[in-house]
Protein backbone atom coordinates (compact mmCIF):
# COMPACT_ATOMS: atom_id res chain seq x y z
CA UNK A 1 55.34 -13.45 -53.28
CA UNK A 2 52.16 -14.61 -54.99
CA UNK A 3 53.93 -14.63 -58.36
CA UNK A 4 56.67 -16.81 -56.90
CA UNK A 5 54.08 -19.17 -55.42
CA UNK A 6 52.30 -19.34 -58.77
CA UNK A 7 55.58 -20.12 -60.57
CA UNK A 8 56.28 -22.95 -58.12
CA UNK A 9 52.81 -24.37 -58.75
CA UNK A 10 53.35 -24.09 -62.52
CA UNK A 11 56.74 -25.77 -62.13
CA UNK A 12 54.95 -28.76 -60.63
CA UNK A 13 52.83 -28.88 -63.78
CA UNK A 14 55.94 -28.72 -65.94
CA UNK A 15 57.54 -31.61 -64.08
CA UNK A 16 54.41 -33.77 -63.72
CA UNK A 17 52.89 -33.31 -67.18
CA UNK A 18 49.45 -34.83 -66.47
CA UNK A 19 48.91 -32.01 -63.97
CA UNK A 20 49.65 -29.12 -66.35
CA UNK A 21 46.06 -27.87 -66.71
CA UNK A 22 45.34 -28.39 -63.01
CA UNK A 23 48.39 -26.45 -61.92
CA UNK A 24 47.67 -23.65 -64.39
CA UNK A 25 44.19 -23.29 -62.91
CA UNK A 26 45.48 -23.51 -59.31
CA UNK A 27 48.08 -20.82 -60.00
CA UNK A 28 45.21 -18.60 -61.13
CA UNK A 29 43.73 -18.61 -57.63
CA UNK A 30 46.42 -16.13 -56.62
CA UNK A 31 45.09 -13.82 -59.35
CA UNK A 32 41.56 -14.36 -58.06
CA UNK A 33 42.53 -13.47 -54.49
CA UNK A 34 44.31 -10.31 -55.65
CA UNK A 35 41.38 -9.36 -57.91
CA UNK A 36 38.90 -9.70 -55.06
CA UNK A 37 41.12 -7.96 -52.51
CA UNK A 38 42.93 -5.21 -54.43
CA UNK A 39 41.17 -4.84 -57.76
CA UNK A 40 41.57 -5.44 -61.47
CA UNK A 41 44.83 -3.53 -61.98
CA UNK A 42 46.75 -5.45 -59.33
CA UNK A 43 45.34 -8.75 -60.59
CA UNK A 44 46.40 -7.99 -64.17
CA UNK A 45 49.86 -7.01 -62.97
CA UNK A 46 50.23 -10.29 -61.05
CA UNK A 47 48.87 -12.26 -64.00
CA UNK A 48 51.20 -10.67 -66.57
CA UNK A 49 54.26 -10.96 -64.33
CA UNK A 50 53.56 -14.60 -63.58
CA UNK A 51 52.89 -15.45 -67.23
CA UNK A 52 56.10 -13.75 -68.35
CA UNK A 53 58.18 -15.47 -65.68
CA UNK A 54 56.57 -18.82 -66.50
CA UNK A 55 57.53 -18.48 -70.18
CA UNK A 56 61.07 -17.52 -69.22
CA UNK A 57 61.71 -20.03 -66.43
CA UNK A 58 59.81 -23.23 -67.19
CA UNK A 59 61.47 -25.88 -69.31
CA UNK A 60 58.10 -27.27 -70.41
CA UNK A 61 56.13 -24.34 -71.86
CA UNK A 62 52.69 -25.98 -71.92
CA UNK A 63 51.77 -25.00 -68.31
CA UNK A 64 52.84 -21.44 -69.13
CA UNK A 65 50.59 -21.42 -72.21
CA UNK A 66 47.69 -22.89 -70.24
CA UNK A 67 48.17 -20.29 -67.51
CA UNK A 68 48.59 -17.40 -69.93
CA UNK A 69 45.46 -18.13 -71.94
CA UNK A 70 43.15 -19.83 -69.49
CA UNK A 71 44.22 -20.45 -65.90
CA UNK A 72 45.31 -16.92 -65.08
CA UNK A 73 42.75 -14.88 -66.96
CA UNK A 74 39.73 -17.09 -66.29
CA UNK A 75 39.29 -15.73 -62.78
CA UNK A 76 39.52 -12.11 -63.90
CA UNK A 77 37.01 -12.71 -66.72
CA UNK A 78 34.70 -14.49 -64.28
CA UNK A 79 34.64 -11.67 -61.75
CA UNK A 80 34.22 -9.01 -64.45
CA UNK A 81 31.46 -10.96 -66.25
CA UNK A 82 29.54 -11.39 -63.02
CA UNK A 83 29.24 -7.63 -62.70
CA UNK A 84 26.78 -7.77 -65.64
CA UNK A 85 23.18 -7.99 -64.38
CA UNK A 86 22.01 -10.60 -66.94
CA UNK A 87 22.92 -14.20 -66.05
CA UNK A 88 22.62 -15.46 -69.64
CA UNK A 89 25.06 -12.83 -70.85
CA UNK A 90 27.45 -13.69 -68.01
CA UNK A 91 27.51 -17.35 -69.04
CA UNK A 92 27.91 -16.49 -72.73
CA UNK A 93 30.91 -14.31 -71.93
CA UNK A 94 32.56 -16.90 -69.66
CA UNK A 95 32.02 -19.88 -71.97
CA UNK A 96 32.85 -17.79 -75.06
CA UNK A 97 36.09 -16.70 -73.40
CA UNK A 98 36.94 -20.32 -72.59
CA UNK A 99 36.45 -21.36 -76.23
CA UNK A 100 38.52 -18.44 -77.56
CA UNK A 101 41.24 -19.18 -74.99
CA UNK A 102 41.25 -22.84 -76.01
CA UNK A 103 41.69 -21.87 -79.67
CA UNK A 104 44.51 -19.46 -78.77
CA UNK A 105 46.26 -22.13 -76.67
CA UNK A 106 46.29 -24.57 -79.56
CA UNK A 107 47.41 -21.94 -82.06
CA UNK A 108 50.27 -20.63 -79.92
CA UNK A 109 51.40 -24.12 -78.94
CA UNK A 110 51.53 -25.34 -82.52
CA UNK A 111 52.64 -22.26 -84.44
CA UNK A 112 54.71 -20.24 -81.99
CA UNK A 113 56.21 -22.76 -79.59
CA UNK A 114 56.37 -25.64 -82.08
CA UNK A 115 54.85 -28.20 -79.73
CA UNK A 116 53.91 -31.19 -81.87
CA UNK A 117 52.59 -33.70 -79.33
CA UNK A 118 49.46 -31.85 -78.22
CA UNK A 119 46.44 -33.72 -76.91
CA UNK A 120 44.21 -30.79 -77.87
CA UNK A 121 42.32 -30.56 -81.18
CA UNK A 122 40.10 -28.14 -83.09
CA UNK A 123 36.96 -30.30 -82.99
CA UNK A 124 33.35 -29.78 -81.95
CA UNK A 125 33.49 -32.40 -79.17
CA UNK A 126 36.60 -30.69 -77.77
CA UNK A 127 34.80 -27.34 -77.62
CA UNK A 128 31.82 -29.01 -75.91
CA UNK A 129 34.20 -30.44 -73.31
CA UNK A 130 35.78 -26.99 -72.88
CA UNK A 131 32.33 -25.46 -72.29
CA UNK A 132 31.36 -28.14 -69.76
CA UNK A 133 34.69 -27.94 -67.92
CA UNK A 134 34.44 -24.13 -67.84
CA UNK A 135 30.94 -24.35 -66.43
CA UNK A 136 32.07 -26.78 -63.71
CA UNK A 137 35.16 -24.69 -62.93
CA UNK A 138 33.03 -21.55 -62.69
CA UNK A 139 30.62 -23.19 -60.26
CA UNK A 140 33.54 -24.52 -58.19
CA UNK A 141 35.23 -21.11 -58.06
CA UNK A 142 31.92 -19.52 -57.04
CA UNK A 143 31.62 -22.00 -54.17
CA UNK A 144 35.21 -21.30 -53.11
CA UNK A 145 34.56 -17.55 -53.16
CA UNK A 146 31.39 -18.11 -51.16
CA UNK A 147 33.23 -20.15 -48.52
CA UNK A 148 36.41 -18.08 -48.25
CA UNK A 149 35.13 -14.70 -49.38
CA UNK A 150 35.02 -13.31 -45.86
CA UNK A 151 38.77 -13.86 -45.51
CA UNK A 152 39.54 -12.26 -48.86
CA UNK A 153 37.19 -9.29 -48.52
CA UNK A 154 38.24 -8.52 -44.93
CA UNK A 155 39.28 -4.90 -44.56
CA UNK A 156 42.80 -4.03 -43.45
CA UNK A 157 43.14 -2.35 -40.06
């Protein structure tokens, strides 16, 4: 059910193109909820199933690429990185992942999918923006986990 919900959210990003990154990130919240509730294996299964279905079903592949490389995995990387006791290392892993994911998104979009009208570039200012956006997204996700964590972590009866 969460994969279907994520596909519907990604479909909105495929139809309304300015929302493609936003919908990819929102679809990743299902992965975050599963990661926090049932663990890494279930989250990776949901992520991979949703990414595969998005590539197969969406007419516009950019939201699928954004989900596959950033929106879906970001939450898993965040939770795993925060298990490390050193805050500096946590931030290096999260921002480093965001930059590697950004590079992979551009490469796959240009060389595999043949998308020619990308707004993304391999430039230093773009990577600075990616780092700042990743920092802001990480803080926002932490606040969301803090507010709704009790609902997610609640034990089943």
